[in-house]
């Protein structure tokens, strides 16, 4: 069996690029909702929670909020990756 060597920096770069790619796709989805409703998520959230029940808006709100939360999570992971002092590659 042939051994393949990979540097930690290469692994970090692949992870970083994957996160950046996902963040960009999430930001595009967020922009589409902002454009669709002409307001921020916070403004839309107030409208949806205070108004009459509207299933289309509620579904959009849930999806929009999920994109927002996932984007924040991925940005946090990217920051953690950038600031990591010790990185250990686990093989299984």
PDB file of N, CA and C in Angstrom:
ATOM      1  N   UNK A   1       0.832  -1.169   0.000  1.00  0.00           N
ATOM      2  CA  UNK A   1       0.000   0.000   0.000  1.00  0.00           C
ATOM      3  C   UNK A   1       0.885   1.243   0.000  1.00  0.00           C
ATOM      4  N   UNK A   2       0.608   2.139  -0.906  1.00  0.00           N
ATOM      5  CA  UNK A   2       1.393   3.358  -1.050  1.00  0.00           C
ATOM      6  C   UNK A   2       0.980   4.393   0.003  1.00  0.00           C
ATOM      7  N   UNK A   3       1.944   5.082   0.582  1.00  0.00           N
ATOM      8  CA  UNK A   3       1.690   6.131   1.559  1.00  0.00           C
ATOM      9  C   UNK A   3       1.601   7.469   0.848  1.00  0.00           C
ATOM     10  N   UNK A   4       0.584   8.217   1.179  1.00  0.00           N
ATOM     11  CA  UNK A   4       0.415   9.557   0.619  1.00  0.00           C
ATOM     12  C   UNK A   4       0.660  10.552   1.741  1.00  0.00           C
ATOM     13  N   UNK A   5       1.521  11.512   1.479  1.00  0.00           N
ATOM     14  CA  UNK A   5       1.830  12.522   2.482  1.00  0.00           C
ATOM     15  C   UNK A   5       1.108  13.824   2.140  1.00  0.00           C
ATOM     16  N   UNK A   6       0.509  14.401   3.151  1.00  0.00           N
ATOM     17  CA  UNK A   6      -0.216  15.658   2.991  1.00  0.00           C
ATOM     18  C   UNK A   6       0.202  16.572   4.139  1.00  0.00           C
ATOM     19  N   UNK A   7       0.548  17.789   3.801  1.00  0.00           N
ATOM     20  CA  UNK A   7       0.936  18.756   4.833  1.00  0.00           C
ATOM     21  C   UNK A   7      -0.313  19.318   5.506  1.00  0.00           C
ATOM     22  N   UNK A   8      -0.166  19.672   6.778  1.00  0.00           N
ATOM     23  CA  UNK A   8      -1.281  20.269   7.512  1.00  0.00           C
ATOM     24  C   UNK A   8      -1.771  21.532   6.816  1.00  0.00           C
ATOM     25  N   UNK A   9      -0.860  22.310   6.291  1.00  0.00           N
ATOM     26  CA  UNK A   9      -1.230  23.554   5.612  1.00  0.00           C
ATOM     27  C   UNK A   9      -2.137  23.284   4.410  1.00  0.00           C
ATOM     28  N   UNK A  10      -1.886  22.174   3.715  1.00  0.00           N
ATOM     29  CA  UNK A  10      -2.729  21.807   2.575  1.00  0.00           C
ATOM     30  C   UNK A  10      -4.137  21.439   3.035  1.00  0.00           C
ATOM     31  N   UNK A  11      -4.217  20.721   4.136  1.00  0.00           N
ATOM     32  CA  UNK A  11      -5.516  20.347   4.690  1.00  0.00           C
ATOM     33  C   UNK A  11      -6.264  21.603   5.126  1.00  0.00           C
ATOM     34  N   UNK A  12      -5.561  22.499   5.798  1.00  0.00           N
ATOM     35  CA  UNK A  12      -6.168  23.759   6.256  1.00  0.00           C
ATOM     36  C   UNK A  12      -6.665  24.570   5.066  1.00  0.00           C
ATOM     37  N   UNK A  13      -5.879  24.640   4.009  1.00  0.00           N
ATOM     38  CA  UNK A  13      -6.285  25.399   2.824  1.00  0.00           C
ATOM     39  C   UNK A  13      -7.538  24.810   2.171  1.00  0.00           C
ATOM     40  N   UNK A  14      -7.627  23.505   2.108  1.00  0.00           N
ATOM     41  CA  UNK A  14      -8.813  22.856   1.541  1.00  0.00           C
ATOM     42  C   UNK A  14     -10.034  23.149   2.411  1.00  0.00           C
ATOM     43  N   UNK A  15      -9.872  23.037   3.716  1.00  0.00           N
ATOM     44  CA  UNK A  15     -10.971  23.343   4.632  1.00  0.00           C
ATOM     45  C   UNK A  15     -11.394  24.806   4.506  1.00  0.00           C
ATOM     46  N   UNK A  16     -10.424  25.697   4.432  1.00  0.00           N
ATOM     47  CA  UNK A  16     -10.706  27.128   4.305  1.00  0.00           C
ATOM     48  C   UNK A  16     -11.471  27.411   3.011  1.00  0.00           C
ATOM     49  N   UNK A  17     -11.010  26.850   1.919  1.00  0.00           N
ATOM     50  CA  UNK A  17     -11.684  27.062   0.634  1.00  0.00           C
ATOM     51  C   UNK A  17     -13.105  26.491   0.639  1.00  0.00           C
ATOM     52  N   UNK A  18     -13.277  25.347   1.264  1.00  0.00           N
ATOM     53  CA  UNK A  18     -14.608  24.743   1.363  1.00  0.00           C
ATOM     54  C   UNK A  18     -15.549  25.647   2.165  1.00  0.00           C
ATOM     55  N   UNK A  19     -15.062  26.168   3.278  1.00  0.00           N
ATOM     56  CA  UNK A  19     -15.873  27.070   4.097  1.00  0.00           C
ATOM     57  C   UNK A  19     -16.205  28.359   3.343  1.00  0.00           C
ATOM     58  N   UNK A  20     -15.224  28.940   2.680  1.00  0.00           N
ATOM     59  CA  UNK A  20     -15.449  30.178   1.929  1.00  0.00           C
ATOM     60  C   UNK A  20     -16.472  29.954   0.830  1.00  0.00           C
ATOM     61  N   UNK A  21     -16.382  28.839   0.150  1.00  0.00           N
ATOM     62  CA  UNK A  21     -17.337  28.515  -0.909  1.00  0.00           C
ATOM     63  C   UNK A  21     -18.748  28.393  -0.345  1.00  0.00           C
ATOM     64  N   UNK A  22     -18.880  27.699   0.776  1.00  0.00           N
ATOM     65  CA  UNK A  22     -20.192  27.528   1.400  1.00  0.00           C
ATOM     66  C   UNK A  22     -20.739  28.868   1.894  1.00  0.00           C
ATOM     67  N   UNK A  23     -19.888  29.691   2.477  1.00  0.00           N
ATOM     68  CA  UNK A  23     -20.303  31.009   2.969  1.00  0.00           C
ATOM     69  C   UNK A  23     -20.809  31.871   1.821  1.00  0.00           C
ATOM     70  N   UNK A  24     -20.128  31.845   0.687  1.00  0.00           N
ATOM     71  CA  UNK A  24     -20.555  32.642  -0.456  1.00  0.00           C
ATOM     72  C   UNK A  24     -21.926  32.200  -0.964  1.00  0.00           C
ATOM     73  N   UNK A  25     -22.152  30.902  -1.002  1.00  0.00           N
ATOM     74  CA  UNK A  25     -23.461  30.389  -1.433  1.00  0.00           C
ATOM     75  C   UNK A  25     -24.553  30.795  -0.439  1.00  0.00           C
ATOM     76  N   UNK A  26     -24.249  30.736   0.839  1.00  0.00           N
ATOM     77  CA  UNK A  26     -25.215  31.139   1.860  1.00  0.00           C
ATOM     78  C   UNK A  26     -25.526  32.629   1.762  1.00  0.00           C
ATOM     79  N   UNK A  27     -24.495  33.455   1.555  1.00  0.00           N
ATOM     80  CA  UNK A  27     -24.700  34.898   1.423  1.00  0.00           C
ATOM     81  C   UNK A  27     -25.561  35.224   0.206  1.00  0.00           C
ATOM     82  N   UNK A  28     -25.397  34.476  -0.862  1.00  0.00           N
ATOM     83  CA  UNK A  28     -26.225  34.677  -2.060  1.00  0.00           C
ATOM     84  C   UNK A  28     -27.686  34.374  -1.737  1.00  0.00           C
ATOM     85  N   UNK A  29     -27.930  33.305  -1.001  1.00  0.00           N
ATOM     86  CA  UNK A  29     -29.297  32.960  -0.598  1.00  0.00           C
ATOM     87  C   UNK A  29     -29.884  34.042   0.303  1.00  0.00           C
ATOM     88  N   UNK A  30     -29.083  34.566   1.215  1.00  0.00           N
ATOM     89  CA  UNK A  30     -29.535  35.642   2.100  1.00  0.00           C
ATOM     90  C   UNK A  30     -29.890  36.890   1.301  1.00  0.00           C
ATOM     91  N   UNK A  31     -29.057  37.214   0.317  1.00  0.00           N
ATOM     92  CA  UNK A  31     -29.317  38.379  -0.539  1.00  0.00           C
ATOM     93  C   UNK A  31     -30.616  38.225  -1.321  1.00  0.00           C
ATOM     94  N   UNK A  32     -30.902  37.004  -1.773  1.00  0.00           N
ATOM     95  CA  UNK A  32     -32.136  36.769  -2.516  1.00  0.00           C
ATOM     96  C   UNK A  32     -33.367  37.041  -1.658  1.00  0.00           C
ATOM     97  N   UNK A  33     -33.330  36.632  -0.392  1.00  0.00           N
ATOM     98  CA  UNK A  33     -34.462  36.911   0.500  1.00  0.00           C
ATOM     99  C   UNK A  33     -34.566  38.402   0.799  1.00  0.00           C
ATOM    100  N   UNK A  34     -33.435  39.057   1.013  1.00  0.00           N
ATOM    101  CA  UNK A  34     -33.462  40.506   1.262  1.00  0.00           C
ATOM    102  C   UNK A  34     -34.043  41.247   0.057  1.00  0.00           C
ATOM    103  N   UNK A  35     -33.684  40.801  -1.114  1.00  0.00           N
ATOM    104  CA  UNK A  35     -34.201  41.421  -2.341  1.00  0.00           C
ATOM    105  C   UNK A  35     -35.694  41.115  -2.516  1.00  0.00           C
ATOM    106  N   UNK A  36     -36.083  39.876  -2.246  1.00  0.00           N
ATOM    107  CA  UNK A  36     -37.482  39.460  -2.406  1.00  0.00           C
ATOM    108  C   UNK A  36     -38.411  40.285  -1.524  1.00  0.00           C
ATOM    109  N   UNK A  37     -38.005  40.518  -0.280  1.00  0.00           N
ATOM    110  CA  UNK A  37     -38.876  41.204   0.667  1.00  0.00           C
ATOM    111  C   UNK A  37     -38.495  42.669   0.895  1.00  0.00           C
ATOM    112  N   UNK A  38     -37.344  43.093   0.390  1.00  0.00           N
ATOM    113  CA  UNK A  38     -36.939  44.489   0.522  1.00  0.00           C
ATOM    114  C   UNK A  38     -36.658  44.912   1.948  1.00  0.00           C
ATOM    115  N   UNK A  39     -36.187  43.975   2.756  1.00  0.00           N
ATOM    116  CA  UNK A  39     -35.891  44.287   4.156  1.00  0.00           C
ATOM    117  C   UNK A  39     -34.916  43.265   4.718  1.00  0.00           C
ATOM    118  N   UNK A  40     -34.424  43.571   5.902  1.00  0.00           N
ATOM    119  CA  UNK A  40     -33.497  42.657   6.578  1.00  0.00           C
ATOM    120  C   UNK A  40     -34.279  41.515   7.224  1.00  0.00           C
ATOM    121  N   UNK A  41     -33.554  40.508   7.638  1.00  0.00           N
ATOM    122  CA  UNK A  41     -34.186  39.376   8.330  1.00  0.00           C
ATOM    123  C   UNK A  41     -34.855  39.840   9.614  1.00  0.00           C
ATOM    124  N   UNK A  42     -34.201  40.720  10.365  1.00  0.00           N
ATOM    125  CA  UNK A  42     -34.795  41.207  11.625  1.00  0.00           C
ATOM    126  C   UNK A  42     -36.117  41.923  11.371  1.00  0.00           C
ATOM    127  N   UNK A  43     -36.163  42.756  10.348  1.00  0.00           N
ATOM    128  CA  UNK A  43     -37.400  43.456  10.009  1.00  0.00           C
ATOM    129  C   UNK A  43     -38.479  42.467   9.574  1.00  0.00           C
ATOM    130  N   UNK A  44     -38.086  41.506   8.767  1.00  0.00           N
ATOM    131  CA  UNK A  44     -39.030  40.495   8.284  1.00  0.00           C
ATOM    132  C   UNK A  44     -39.533  39.633   9.436  1.00  0.00           C
ATOM    133  N   UNK A  45     -38.635  39.301  10.347  1.00  0.00           N
ATOM    134  CA  UNK A  45     -39.006  38.492  11.506  1.00  0.00           C
ATOM    135  C   UNK A  45     -40.094  39.201  12.324  1.00  0.00           C
ATOM    136  N   UNK A  46     -39.928  40.491  12.565  1.00  0.00           N
ATOM    137  CA  UNK A  46     -40.932  41.260  13.308  1.00  0.00           C
ATOM    138  C   UNK A  46     -42.281  41.210  12.591  1.00  0.00           C
ATOM    139  N   UNK A  47     -42.237  41.369  11.288  1.00  0.00           N
ATOM    140  CA  UNK A  47     -43.465  41.348  10.486  1.00  0.00           C
ATOM    141  C   UNK A  47     -44.166  39.994  10.570  1.00  0.00           C
ATOM    142  N   UNK A  48     -43.403  38.938  10.407  1.00  0.00           N
ATOM    143  CA  UNK A  48     -43.980  37.585  10.404  1.00  0.00           C
ATOM    144  C   UNK A  48     -44.538  37.227  11.780  1.00  0.00           C
ATOM    145  N   UNK A  49     -43.804  37.550  12.824  1.00  0.00           N
ATOM    146  CA  UNK A  49     -44.233  37.185  14.173  1.00  0.00           C
ATOM    147  C   UNK A  49     -45.408  38.028  14.662  1.00  0.00           C
ATOM    148  N   UNK A  50     -45.534  39.253  14.139  1.00  0.00           N
ATOM    149  CA  UNK A  50     -46.609  40.145  14.596  1.00  0.00           C
ATOM    150  C   UNK A  50     -47.862  40.057  13.728  1.00  0.00           C
ATOM    151  N   UNK A  51     -47.704  39.589  12.495  1.00  0.00           N
ATOM    152  CA  UNK A  51     -48.825  39.600  11.559  1.00  0.00           C
ATOM    153  C   UNK A  51     -49.694  38.370  11.616  1.00  0.00           C
ATOM    154  N   UNK A  52     -50.657  38.360  10.708  1.00  0.00           N
ATOM    155  CA  UNK A  52     -51.525  37.193  10.574  1.00  0.00           C
ATOM    156  C   UNK A  52     -50.730  36.031  10.006  1.00  0.00           C
ATOM    157  N   UNK A  53     -51.209  34.834  10.269  1.00  0.00           N
ATOM    158  CA  UNK A  53     -50.517  33.634   9.812  1.00  0.00           C
ATOM    159  C   UNK A  53     -50.492  33.577   8.290  1.00  0.00           C
ATOM    160  N   UNK A  54     -49.293  33.440   7.767  1.00  0.00           N
ATOM    161  CA  UNK A  54     -49.079  33.346   6.327  1.00  0.00           C
ATOM    162  C   UNK A  54     -48.034  32.248   6.117  1.00  0.00           C
ATOM    163  N   UNK A  55     -48.462  31.105   5.615  1.00  0.00           N
ATOM    164  CA  UNK A  55     -47.574  29.957   5.519  1.00  0.00           C
ATOM    165  C   UNK A  55     -46.395  30.179   4.584  1.00  0.00           C
ATOM    166  N   UNK A  56     -46.602  30.904   3.501  1.00  0.00           N
ATOM    167  CA  UNK A  56     -45.505  31.174   2.562  1.00  0.00           C
ATOM    168  C   UNK A  56     -44.440  32.021   3.248  1.00  0.00           C
ATOM    169  N   UNK A  57     -44.882  33.094   3.909  1.00  0.00           N
ATOM    170  CA  UNK A  57     -43.923  33.952   4.608  1.00  0.00           C
ATOM    171  C   UNK A  57     -43.262  33.205   5.765  1.00  0.00           C
ATOM    172  N   UNK A  58     -44.023  32.386   6.470  1.00  0.00           N
ATOM    173  CA  UNK A  58     -43.454  31.622   7.580  1.00  0.00           C
ATOM    174  C   UNK A  58     -42.386  30.652   7.077  1.00  0.00           C
ATOM    175  N   UNK A  59     -42.670  29.962   5.979  1.00  0.00           N
ATOM    176  CA  UNK A  59     -41.679  29.045   5.403  1.00  0.00           C
ATOM    177  C   UNK A  59     -40.425  29.810   4.973  1.00  0.00           C
ATOM    178  N   UNK A  60     -40.626  30.953   4.320  1.00  0.00           N
ATOM    179  CA  UNK A  60     -39.480  31.770   3.910  1.00  0.00           C
ATOM    180  C   UNK A  60     -38.688  32.240   5.127  1.00  0.00           C
ATOM    181  N   UNK A  61     -39.402  32.639   6.166  1.00  0.00           N
ATOM    182  CA  UNK A  61     -38.744  33.091   7.391  1.00  0.00           C
ATOM    183  C   UNK A  61     -37.876  31.984   7.991  1.00  0.00           C
ATOM    184  N   UNK A  62     -38.417  30.786   8.080  1.00  0.00           N
ATOM    185  CA  UNK A  62     -37.679  29.657   8.658  1.00  0.00           C
ATOM    186  C   UNK A  62     -36.433  29.331   7.827  1.00  0.00           C
ATOM    187  N   UNK A  63     -36.598  29.342   6.510  1.00  0.00           N
ATOM    188  CA  UNK A  63     -35.461  29.045   5.645  1.00  0.00           C
ATOM    189  C   UNK A  63     -34.420  30.164   5.713  1.00  0.00           C
ATOM    190  N   UNK A  64     -34.885  31.409   5.673  1.00  0.00           N
ATOM    191  CA  UNK A  64     -34.006  32.578   5.741  1.00  0.00           C
ATOM    192  C   UNK A  64     -33.207  32.553   7.050  1.00  0.00           C
ATOM    193  N   UNK A  65     -33.890  32.279   8.148  1.00  0.00           N
ATOM    194  CA  UNK A  65     -33.235  32.224   9.456  1.00  0.00           C
ATOM    195  C   UNK A  65     -32.205  31.081   9.498  1.00  0.00           C
ATOM    196  N   UNK A  66     -32.534  29.956   8.893  1.00  0.00           N
ATOM    197  CA  UNK A  66     -31.596  28.828   8.846  1.00  0.00           C
ATOM    198  C   UNK A  66     -30.349  29.196   8.051  1.00  0.00           C
ATOM    199  N   UNK A  67     -30.529  29.875   6.918  1.00  0.00           N
ATOM    200  CA  UNK A  67     -29.370  30.339   6.141  1.00  0.00           C
ATOM    201  C   UNK A  67     -28.510  31.287   6.975  1.00  0.00           C
ATOM    202  N   UNK A  68     -29.163  32.195   7.686  1.00  0.00           N
ATOM    203  CA  UNK A  68     -28.449  33.165   8.524  1.00  0.00           C
ATOM    204  C   UNK A  68     -27.644  32.459   9.614  1.00  0.00           C
ATOM    205  N   UNK A  69     -28.270  31.521  10.310  1.00  0.00           N
ATOM    206  CA  UNK A  69     -27.596  30.788  11.389  1.00  0.00           C
ATOM    207  C   UNK A  69     -26.453  29.936  10.858  1.00  0.00           C
ATOM    208  N   UNK A  70     -26.674  29.291   9.736  1.00  0.00           N
ATOM    209  CA  UNK A  70     -25.624  28.463   9.140  1.00  0.00           C
ATOM    210  C   UNK A  70     -24.457  29.323   8.686  1.00  0.00           C
ATOM    211  N   UNK A  71     -24.750  30.481   8.111  1.00  0.00           N
ATOM    212  CA  UNK A  71     -23.694  31.396   7.671  1.00  0.00           C
ATOM    213  C   UNK A  71     -22.859  31.858   8.867  1.00  0.00           C
ATOM    214  N   UNK A  72     -23.510  32.234   9.951  1.00  0.00           N
ATOM    215  CA  UNK A  72     -22.789  32.645  11.159  1.00  0.00           C
ATOM    216  C   UNK A  72     -21.914  31.514  11.683  1.00  0.00           C
ATOM    217  N   UNK A  73     -22.448  30.291  11.655  1.00  0.00           N
ATOM    218  CA  UNK A  73     -21.701  29.131  12.119  1.00  0.00           C
ATOM    219  C   UNK A  73     -20.460  28.897  11.262  1.00  0.00           C
ATOM    220  N   UNK A  74     -20.622  28.978   9.938  1.00  0.00           N
ATOM    221  CA  UNK A  74     -19.481  28.756   9.038  1.00  0.00           C
ATOM    222  C   UNK A  74     -18.439  29.866   9.167  1.00  0.00           C
ATOM    223  N   UNK A  75     -18.878  31.103   9.374  1.00  0.00           N
ATOM    224  CA  UNK A  75     -17.936  32.206   9.598  1.00  0.00           C
ATOM    225  C   UNK A  75     -17.157  31.988  10.893  1.00  0.00           C
ATOM    226  N   UNK A  76     -17.819  31.464  11.904  1.00  0.00           N
ATOM    227  CA  UNK A  76     -17.150  31.148  13.164  1.00  0.00           C
ATOM    228  C   UNK A  76     -16.113  30.043  12.966  1.00  0.00           C
ATOM    229  N   UNK A  77     -16.483  29.019  12.194  1.00  0.00           N
ATOM    230  CA  UNK A  77     -15.534  27.935  11.902  1.00  0.00           C
ATOM    231  C   UNK A  77     -14.324  28.469  11.140  1.00  0.00           C
ATOM    232  N   UNK A  78     -14.577  29.367  10.202  1.00  0.00           N
ATOM    233  CA  UNK A  78     -13.488  29.945   9.424  1.00  0.00           C
ATOM    234  C   UNK A  78     -12.549  30.732  10.339  1.00  0.00           C
ATOM    235  N   UNK A  79     -13.113  31.502  11.256  1.00  0.00           N
ATOM    236  CA  UNK A  79     -12.308  32.261  12.215  1.00  0.00           C
ATOM    237  C   UNK A  79     -11.514  31.318  13.106  1.00  0.00           C
ATOM    238  N   UNK A  80     -12.168  30.251  13.589  1.00  0.00           N
ATOM    239  CA  UNK A  80     -11.475  29.263  14.426  1.00  0.00           C
ATOM    240  C   UNK A  80     -10.313  28.624  13.671  1.00  0.00           C
ATOM    241  N   UNK A  81     -10.536  28.320  12.416  1.00  0.00           N
ATOM    242  CA  UNK A  81      -9.500  27.703  11.592  1.00  0.00           C
ATOM    243  C   UNK A  81      -8.323  28.659  11.414  1.00  0.00           C
ATOM    244  N   UNK A  82      -8.634  29.927  11.209  1.00  0.00           N
ATOM    245  CA  UNK A  82      -7.593  30.939  11.018  1.00  0.00           C
ATOM    246  C   UNK A  82      -6.768  31.147  12.290  1.00  0.00           C
ATOM    247  N   UNK A  83      -7.422  31.067  13.449  1.00  0.00           N
ATOM    248  CA  UNK A  83      -6.753  31.346  14.715  1.00  0.00           C
ATOM    249  C   UNK A  83      -6.240  30.101  15.441  1.00  0.00           C
ATOM    250  N   UNK A  84      -6.449  28.941  14.843  1.00  0.00           N
ATOM    251  CA  UNK A  84      -6.040  27.696  15.500  1.00  0.00           C
ATOM    252  C   UNK A  84      -4.527  27.634  15.664  1.00  0.00           C
ATOM    253  N   UNK A  85      -4.107  27.305  16.866  1.00  0.00           N
ATOM    254  CA  UNK A  85      -2.675  27.180  17.140  1.00  0.00           C
ATOM    255  C   UNK A  85      -2.221  25.734  16.993  1.00  0.00           C
ATOM    256  N   UNK A  86      -3.088  24.817  17.385  1.00  0.00           N
ATOM    257  CA  UNK A  86      -2.757  23.403  17.311  1.00  0.00           C
ATOM    258  C   UNK A  86      -3.803  22.697  16.460  1.00  0.00           C
ATOM    259  N   UNK A  87      -3.325  22.079  15.410  1.00  0.00           N
ATOM    260  CA  UNK A  87      -4.210  21.312  14.538  1.00  0.00           C
ATOM    261  C   UNK A  87      -3.655  19.902  14.450  1.00  0.00           C
ATOM    262  N   UNK A  88      -4.543  18.954  14.684  1.00  0.00           N
ATOM    263  CA  UNK A  88      -4.147  17.560  14.649  1.00  0.00           C
ATOM    264  C   UNK A  88      -4.976  16.861  13.580  1.00  0.00           C
ATOM    265  N   UNK A  89      -4.322  16.178  12.677  1.00  0.00           N
ATOM    266  CA  UNK A  89      -5.008  15.433  11.635  1.00  0.00           C
ATOM    267  C   UNK A  89      -5.236  14.015  12.155  1.00  0.00           C
ATOM    268  N   UNK A  90      -6.491  13.597  12.126  1.00  0.00           N
ATOM    269  CA  UNK A  90      -6.864  12.265  12.627  1.00  0.00           C
ATOM    270  C   UNK A  90      -7.094  11.359  11.437  1.00  0.00           C
ATOM    271  N   UNK A  91      -6.499  10.208  11.452  1.00  0.00           N
ATOM    272  CA  UNK A  91      -6.702   9.250  10.368  1.00  0.00           C
ATOM    273  C   UNK A  91      -7.452   8.047  10.901  1.00  0.00           C
ATOM    274  N   UNK A  92      -8.348   7.573  10.104  1.00  0.00           N
ATOM    275  CA  UNK A  92      -9.119   6.375  10.465  1.00  0.00           C
ATOM    276  C   UNK A  92      -9.393   5.573   9.253  1.00  0.00           C
TER     277      UNK A  92
END
